[in-house]
Amino acid sequence: MTTEESEQLSALSHAFNNLLGKIMGAAELALDHNPPPQVRSELETILRLAEEGAGLAVELRAAAGGD
């Protein structure tokens, strides 16, 4: 992988992580409003999947040689 490709992958990973952070924040905020059980379950699923995605973003950054 070239330096340019590594930098692009690192930047993409960072942007993806920021997006996931916003999704997680919105889901957490919605959970604070004591939603009905079905909605709570869906919000918890969103949080879990976003956390998994954030883990992937960390792996991408590491693969790109980022910190």
PDB file of N, CA and C in Angstrom:
ATOM      1  N   MET A   1       0.848  -1.174   0.000  1.00  0.00           N
ATOM      2  CA  MET A   1       0.000   0.000   0.000  1.00  0.00           C
ATOM      3  C   MET A   1       0.894   1.237   0.000  1.00  0.00           C
ATOM      4  N   THR A   2       0.571   2.173  -0.857  1.00  0.00           N
ATOM      5  CA  THR A   2       1.362   3.395  -0.924  1.00  0.00           C
ATOM      6  C   THR A   2       1.031   4.307   0.256  1.00  0.00           C
ATOM      7  N   THR A   3       1.877   5.281   0.480  1.00  0.00           N
ATOM      8  CA  THR A   3       1.629   6.252   1.542  1.00  0.00           C
ATOM      9  C   THR A   3       0.324   6.987   1.290  1.00  0.00           C
ATOM     10  N   GLU A   4       0.083   7.349   0.038  1.00  0.00           N
ATOM     11  CA  GLU A   4      -1.159   8.061  -0.302  1.00  0.00           C
ATOM     12  C   GLU A   4      -2.381   7.191  -0.010  1.00  0.00           C
ATOM     13  N   GLU A   5      -2.309   5.913  -0.359  1.00  0.00           N
ATOM     14  CA  GLU A   5      -3.421   5.004  -0.090  1.00  0.00           C
ATOM     15  C   GLU A   5      -3.640   4.837   1.414  1.00  0.00           C
ATOM     16  N   SER A   6      -2.554   4.759   2.160  1.00  0.00           N
ATOM     17  CA  SER A   6      -2.655   4.652   3.621  1.00  0.00           C
ATOM     18  C   SER A   6      -3.315   5.884   4.214  1.00  0.00           C
ATOM     19  N   GLU A   7      -2.932   7.041   3.730  1.00  0.00           N
ATOM     20  CA  GLU A   7      -3.521   8.287   4.219  1.00  0.00           C
ATOM     21  C   GLU A   7      -5.002   8.367   3.873  1.00  0.00           C
ATOM     22  N   GLN A   8      -5.370   7.937   2.665  1.00  0.00           N
ATOM     23  CA  GLN A   8      -6.774   7.942   2.258  1.00  0.00           C
ATOM     24  C   GLN A   8      -7.586   6.978   3.116  1.00  0.00           C
ATOM     25  N   LEU A   9      -7.040   5.791   3.362  1.00  0.00           N
ATOM     26  CA  LEU A   9      -7.730   4.805   4.190  1.00  0.00           C
ATOM     27  C   LEU A   9      -7.881   5.314   5.616  1.00  0.00           C
ATOM     28  N   SER A  10      -6.864   5.940   6.124  1.00  0.00           N
ATOM     29  CA  SER A  10      -6.927   6.497   7.473  1.00  0.00           C
ATOM     30  C   SER A  10      -7.973   7.606   7.555  1.00  0.00           C
ATOM     31  N   ALA A  11      -8.028   8.470   6.552  1.00  0.00           N
ATOM     32  CA  ALA A  11      -9.009   9.556   6.534  1.00  0.00           C
ATOM     33  C   ALA A  11     -10.429   9.001   6.417  1.00  0.00           C
ATOM     34  N   LEU A  12     -10.612   7.992   5.591  1.00  0.00           N
ATOM     35  CA  LEU A  12     -11.923   7.370   5.439  1.00  0.00           C
ATOM     36  C   LEU A  12     -12.353   6.713   6.745  1.00  0.00           C
ATOM     37  N   SER A  13     -11.441   6.032   7.394  1.00  0.00           N
ATOM     38  CA  SER A  13     -11.729   5.392   8.672  1.00  0.00           C
ATOM     39  C   SER A  13     -12.139   6.432   9.713  1.00  0.00           C
ATOM     40  N   HIS A  14     -11.440   7.540   9.735  1.00  0.00           N
ATOM     41  CA  HIS A  14     -11.749   8.611  10.681  1.00  0.00           C
ATOM     42  C   HIS A  14     -13.146   9.174  10.420  1.00  0.00           C
ATOM     43  N   ALA A  15     -13.471   9.427   9.159  1.00  0.00           N
ATOM     44  CA  ALA A  15     -14.789   9.961   8.799  1.00  0.00           C
ATOM     45  C   ALA A  15     -15.890   8.966   9.163  1.00  0.00           C
ATOM     46  N   PHE A  16     -15.644   7.684   8.897  1.00  0.00           N
ATOM     47  CA  PHE A  16     -16.614   6.639   9.224  1.00  0.00           C
ATOM     48  C   PHE A  16     -16.824   6.576  10.730  1.00  0.00           C
ATOM     49  N   ASN A  17     -15.755   6.668  11.489  1.00  0.00           N
ATOM     50  CA  ASN A  17     -15.857   6.649  12.945  1.00  0.00           C
ATOM     51  C   ASN A  17     -16.650   7.854  13.454  1.00  0.00           C
ATOM     52  N   ASN A  18     -16.447   9.014  12.861  1.00  0.00           N
ATOM     53  CA  ASN A  18     -17.217  10.206  13.254  1.00  0.00           C
ATOM     54  C   ASN A  18     -18.706  10.001  12.995  1.00  0.00           C
ATOM     55  N   LEU A  19     -19.036   9.430  11.836  1.00  0.00           N
ATOM     56  CA  LEU A  19     -20.425   9.156  11.502  1.00  0.00           C
ATOM     57  C   LEU A  19     -21.043   8.199  12.526  1.00  0.00           C
ATOM     58  N   LEU A  20     -20.318   7.143  12.839  1.00  0.00           N
ATOM     59  CA  LEU A  20     -20.823   6.185  13.822  1.00  0.00           C
ATOM     60  C   LEU A  20     -21.008   6.838  15.191  1.00  0.00           C
ATOM     61  N   GLY A  21     -20.118   7.733  15.546  1.00  0.00           N
ATOM     62  CA  GLY A  21     -20.244   8.447  16.817  1.00  0.00           C
ATOM     63  C   GLY A  21     -21.514   9.271  16.879  1.00  0.00           C
ATOM     64  N   LYS A  22     -21.869   9.891  15.772  1.00  0.00           N
ATOM     65  CA  LYS A  22     -23.106  10.681  15.728  1.00  0.00           C
ATOM     66  C   LYS A  22     -24.329   9.777  15.829  1.00  0.00           C
ATOM     67  N   ILE A  23     -24.281   8.631  15.161  1.00  0.00           N
ATOM     68  CA  ILE A  23     -25.384   7.669  15.241  1.00  0.00           C
ATOM     69  C   ILE A  23     -25.535   7.160  16.670  1.00  0.00           C
ATOM     70  N   MET A  24     -24.417   6.830  17.295  1.00  0.00           N
ATOM     71  CA  MET A  24     -24.457   6.339  18.672  1.00  0.00           C
ATOM     72  C   MET A  24     -24.997   7.405  19.620  1.00  0.00           C
ATOM     73  N   GLY A  25     -24.577   8.631  19.420  1.00  0.00           N
ATOM     74  CA  GLY A  25     -25.063   9.713  20.273  1.00  0.00           C
ATOM     75  C   GLY A  25     -26.562   9.914  20.148  1.00  0.00           C
ATOM     76  N   ALA A  26     -27.078   9.845  18.920  1.00  0.00           N
ATOM     77  CA  ALA A  26     -28.514  10.008  18.708  1.00  0.00           C
ATOM     78  C   ALA A  26     -29.293   8.858  19.342  1.00  0.00           C
ATOM     79  N   ALA A  27     -28.784   7.635  19.202  1.00  0.00           N
ATOM     80  CA  ALA A  27     -29.459   6.477  19.794  1.00  0.00           C
ATOM     81  C   ALA A  27     -29.439   6.568  21.321  1.00  0.00           C
ATOM     82  N   GLU A  28     -28.315   6.969  21.882  1.00  0.00           N
ATOM     83  CA  GLU A  28     -28.228   7.106  23.340  1.00  0.00           C
ATOM     84  C   GLU A  28     -29.173   8.189  23.845  1.00  0.00           C
ATOM     85  N   LEU A  29     -29.267   9.282  23.123  1.00  0.00           N
ATOM     86  CA  LEU A  29     -30.176  10.362  23.499  1.00  0.00           C
ATOM     87  C   LEU A  29     -31.619   9.873  23.468  1.00  0.00           C
ATOM     88  N   ALA A  30     -31.968   9.115  22.433  1.00  0.00           N
ATOM     89  CA  ALA A  30     -33.322   8.571  22.337  1.00  0.00           C
ATOM     90  C   ALA A  30     -33.605   7.604  23.486  1.00  0.00           C
ATOM     91  N   LEU A  31     -32.609   6.819  23.873  1.00  0.00           N
ATOM     92  CA  LEU A  31     -32.795   5.891  24.991  1.00  0.00           C
ATOM     93  C   LEU A  31     -33.035   6.623  26.308  1.00  0.00           C
ATOM     94  N   ASP A  32     -32.505   7.815  26.437  1.00  0.00           N
ATOM     95  CA  ASP A  32     -32.687   8.609  27.652  1.00  0.00           C
ATOM     96  C   ASP A  32     -34.140   9.039  27.846  1.00  0.00           C
ATOM     97  N   HIS A  33     -34.946   8.937  26.796  1.00  0.00           N
ATOM     98  CA  HIS A  33     -36.343   9.379  26.858  1.00  0.00           C
ATOM     99  C   HIS A  33     -37.307   8.236  27.149  1.00  0.00           C
ATOM    100  N   ASN A  34     -36.775   7.125  27.675  1.00  0.00           N
ATOM    101  CA  ASN A  34     -37.574   5.983  28.101  1.00  0.00           C
ATOM    102  C   ASN A  34     -38.567   5.527  27.024  1.00  0.00           C
ATOM    103  N   PRO A  35     -38.054   5.070  25.884  1.00  0.00           N
ATOM    104  CA  PRO A  35     -38.936   4.642  24.803  1.00  0.00           C
ATOM    105  C   PRO A  35     -39.640   3.316  25.124  1.00  0.00           C
ATOM    106  N   PRO A  36     -40.686   3.006  24.374  1.00  0.00           N
ATOM    107  CA  PRO A  36     -41.359   1.709  24.565  1.00  0.00           C
ATOM    108  C   PRO A  36     -40.378   0.563  24.318  1.00  0.00           C
ATOM    109  N   PRO A  37     -40.685  -0.612  24.872  1.00  0.00           N
ATOM    110  CA  PRO A  37     -39.747  -1.755  24.774  1.00  0.00           C
ATOM    111  C   PRO A  37     -39.278  -2.081  23.360  1.00  0.00           C
ATOM    112  N   GLN A  38     -40.176  -2.096  22.381  1.00  0.00           N
ATOM    113  CA  GLN A  38     -39.770  -2.434  21.010  1.00  0.00           C
ATOM    114  C   GLN A  38     -38.791  -1.390  20.465  1.00  0.00           C
ATOM    115  N   VAL A  39     -39.045  -0.140  20.727  1.00  0.00           N
ATOM    116  CA  VAL A  39     -38.161   0.934  20.271  1.00  0.00           C
ATOM    117  C   VAL A  39     -36.824   0.839  21.005  1.00  0.00           C
ATOM    118  N   ARG A  40     -36.877   0.580  22.315  1.00  0.00           N
ATOM    119  CA  ARG A  40     -35.653   0.430  23.101  1.00  0.00           C
ATOM    120  C   ARG A  40     -34.782  -0.685  22.523  1.00  0.00           C
ATOM    121  N   SER A  41     -35.405  -1.792  22.179  1.00  0.00           N
ATOM    122  CA  SER A  41     -34.675  -2.919  21.613  1.00  0.00           C
ATOM    123  C   SER A  41     -33.987  -2.524  20.304  1.00  0.00           C
ATOM    124  N   GLU A  42     -34.697  -1.812  19.456  1.00  0.00           N
ATOM    125  CA  GLU A  42     -34.115  -1.380  18.177  1.00  0.00           C
ATOM    126  C   GLU A  42     -32.964  -0.402  18.399  1.00  0.00           C
ATOM    127  N   LEU A  43     -33.133   0.521  19.346  1.00  0.00           N
ATOM    128  CA  LEU A  43     -32.069   1.479  19.640  1.00  0.00           C
ATOM    129  C   LEU A  43     -30.834   0.771  20.200  1.00  0.00           C
ATOM    130  N   GLU A  44     -31.055  -0.225  21.038  1.00  0.00           N
ATOM    131  CA  GLU A  44     -29.927  -0.987  21.575  1.00  0.00           C
ATOM    132  C   GLU A  44     -29.210  -1.754  20.462  1.00  0.00           C
ATOM    133  N   THR A  45     -29.966  -2.246  19.485  1.00  0.00           N
ATOM    134  CA  THR A  45     -29.352  -2.917  18.334  1.00  0.00           C
ATOM    135  C   THR A  45     -28.521  -1.926  17.534  1.00  0.00           C
ATOM    136  N   ILE A  46     -29.047  -0.734  17.326  1.00  0.00           N
ATOM    137  CA  ILE A  46     -28.308   0.308  16.608  1.00  0.00           C
ATOM    138  C   ILE A  46     -26.993   0.599  17.330  1.00  0.00           C
ATOM    139  N   LEU A  47     -27.053   0.745  18.645  1.00  0.00           N
ATOM    140  CA  LEU A  47     -25.840   1.015  19.424  1.00  0.00           C
ATOM    141  C   LEU A  47     -24.827  -0.113  19.287  1.00  0.00           C
ATOM    142  N   ARG A  48     -25.292  -1.351  19.400  1.00  0.00           N
ATOM    143  CA  ARG A  48     -24.387  -2.500  19.309  1.00  0.00           C
ATOM    144  C   ARG A  48     -23.706  -2.557  17.945  1.00  0.00           C
ATOM    145  N   LEU A  49     -24.486  -2.361  16.887  1.00  0.00           N
ATOM    146  CA  LEU A  49     -23.918  -2.417  15.539  1.00  0.00           C
ATOM    147  C   LEU A  49     -22.968  -1.247  15.279  1.00  0.00           C
ATOM    148  N   ALA A  50     -23.304  -0.081  15.792  1.00  0.00           N
ATOM    149  CA  ALA A  50     -22.419   1.075  15.624  1.00  0.00           C
ATOM    150  C   ALA A  50     -21.107   0.859  16.370  1.00  0.00           C
ATOM    151  N   GLU A  51     -21.184   0.232  17.544  1.00  0.00           N
ATOM    152  CA  GLU A  51     -19.959  -0.079  18.291  1.00  0.00           C
ATOM    153  C   GLU A  51     -19.097  -1.083  17.527  1.00  0.00           C
ATOM    154  N   GLU A  52     -19.739  -2.073  16.900  1.00  0.00           N
ATOM    155  CA  GLU A  52     -18.988  -3.025  16.075  1.00  0.00           C
ATOM    156  C   GLU A  52     -18.314  -2.288  14.918  1.00  0.00           C
ATOM    157  N   GLY A  53     -19.053  -1.367  14.295  1.00  0.00           N
ATOM    158  CA  GLY A  53     -18.492  -0.586  13.195  1.00  0.00           C
ATOM    159  C   GLY A  53     -17.321   0.265  13.650  1.00  0.00           C
ATOM    160  N   ALA A  54     -17.413   0.825  14.850  1.00  0.00           N
ATOM    161  CA  ALA A  54     -16.313   1.628  15.381  1.00  0.00           C
ATOM    162  C   ALA A  54     -15.070   0.759  15.575  1.00  0.00           C
ATOM    163  N   GLY A  55     -15.279  -0.490  15.993  1.00  0.00           N
ATOM    164  CA  GLY A  55     -14.153  -1.414  16.119  1.00  0.00           C
ATOM    165  C   GLY A  55     -13.502  -1.679  14.771  1.00  0.00           C
ATOM    166  N   LEU A  56     -14.317  -1.807  13.739  1.00  0.00           N
ATOM    167  CA  LEU A  56     -13.776  -2.000  12.396  1.00  0.00           C
ATOM    168  C   LEU A  56     -12.993  -0.773  11.940  1.00  0.00           C
ATOM    169  N   ALA A  57     -13.481   0.401  12.284  1.00  0.00           N
ATOM    170  CA  ALA A  57     -12.779   1.634  11.915  1.00  0.00           C
ATOM    171  C   ALA A  57     -11.393   1.669  12.558  1.00  0.00           C
ATOM    172  N   VAL A  58     -11.295   1.216  13.798  1.00  0.00           N
ATOM    173  CA  VAL A  58     -10.000   1.153  14.485  1.00  0.00           C
ATOM    174  C   VAL A  58      -9.066   0.200  13.747  1.00  0.00           C
ATOM    175  N   GLU A  59      -9.600  -0.948  13.326  1.00  0.00           N
ATOM    176  CA  GLU A  59      -8.791  -1.917  12.588  1.00  0.00           C
ATOM    177  C   GLU A  59      -8.337  -1.349  11.244  1.00  0.00           C
ATOM    178  N   LEU A  60      -9.208  -0.612  10.589  1.00  0.00           N
ATOM    179  CA  LEU A  60      -8.839   0.020   9.308  1.00  0.00           C
ATOM    180  C   LEU A  60      -7.708   1.029   9.503  1.00  0.00           C
ATOM    181  N   ARG A  61      -7.845   1.837  10.563  1.00  0.00           N
ATOM    182  CA  ARG A  61      -6.814   2.839  10.840  1.00  0.00           C
ATOM    183  C   ARG A  61      -5.480   2.156  11.128  1.00  0.00           C
ATOM    184  N   ALA A  62      -5.531   1.057  11.869  1.00  0.00           N
ATOM    185  CA  ALA A  62      -4.298   0.326  12.178  1.00  0.00           C
ATOM    186  C   ALA A  62      -3.694  -0.261  10.907  1.00  0.00           C
ATOM    187  N   ALA A  63      -4.539  -0.789  10.025  1.00  0.00           N
ATOM    188  CA  ALA A  63      -4.058  -1.349   8.768  1.00  0.00           C
ATOM    189  C   ALA A  63      -3.428  -0.279   7.887  1.00  0.00           C
ATOM    190  N   ALA A  64      -3.920   0.941   8.029  1.00  0.00           N
ATOM    191  CA  ALA A  64      -3.391   2.044   7.242  1.00  0.00           C
ATOM    192  C   ALA A  64      -2.110   2.604   7.857  1.00  0.00           C
ATOM    193  N   GLY A  65      -1.772   2.108   9.028  1.00  0.00           N
ATOM    194  CA  GLY A  65      -0.565   2.602   9.697  1.00  0.00           C
ATOM    195  C   GLY A  65      -0.855   3.805  10.565  1.00  0.00           C
ATOM    196  N   GLY A  66      -2.152   4.047  10.823  1.00  0.00           N
ATOM    197  CA  GLY A  66      -2.524   5.179  11.687  1.00  0.00           C
ATOM    198  C   GLY A  66      -2.355   4.818  13.127  1.00  0.00           C
ATOM    199  N   ASP A  67      -2.569   5.797  13.998  1.00  0.00           N
ATOM    200  CA  ASP A  67      -2.401   5.553  15.434  1.00  0.00           C
ATOM    201  C   ASP A  67      -3.672   5.292  16.139  1.00  0.00           C
TER     202      ASP A  67
END
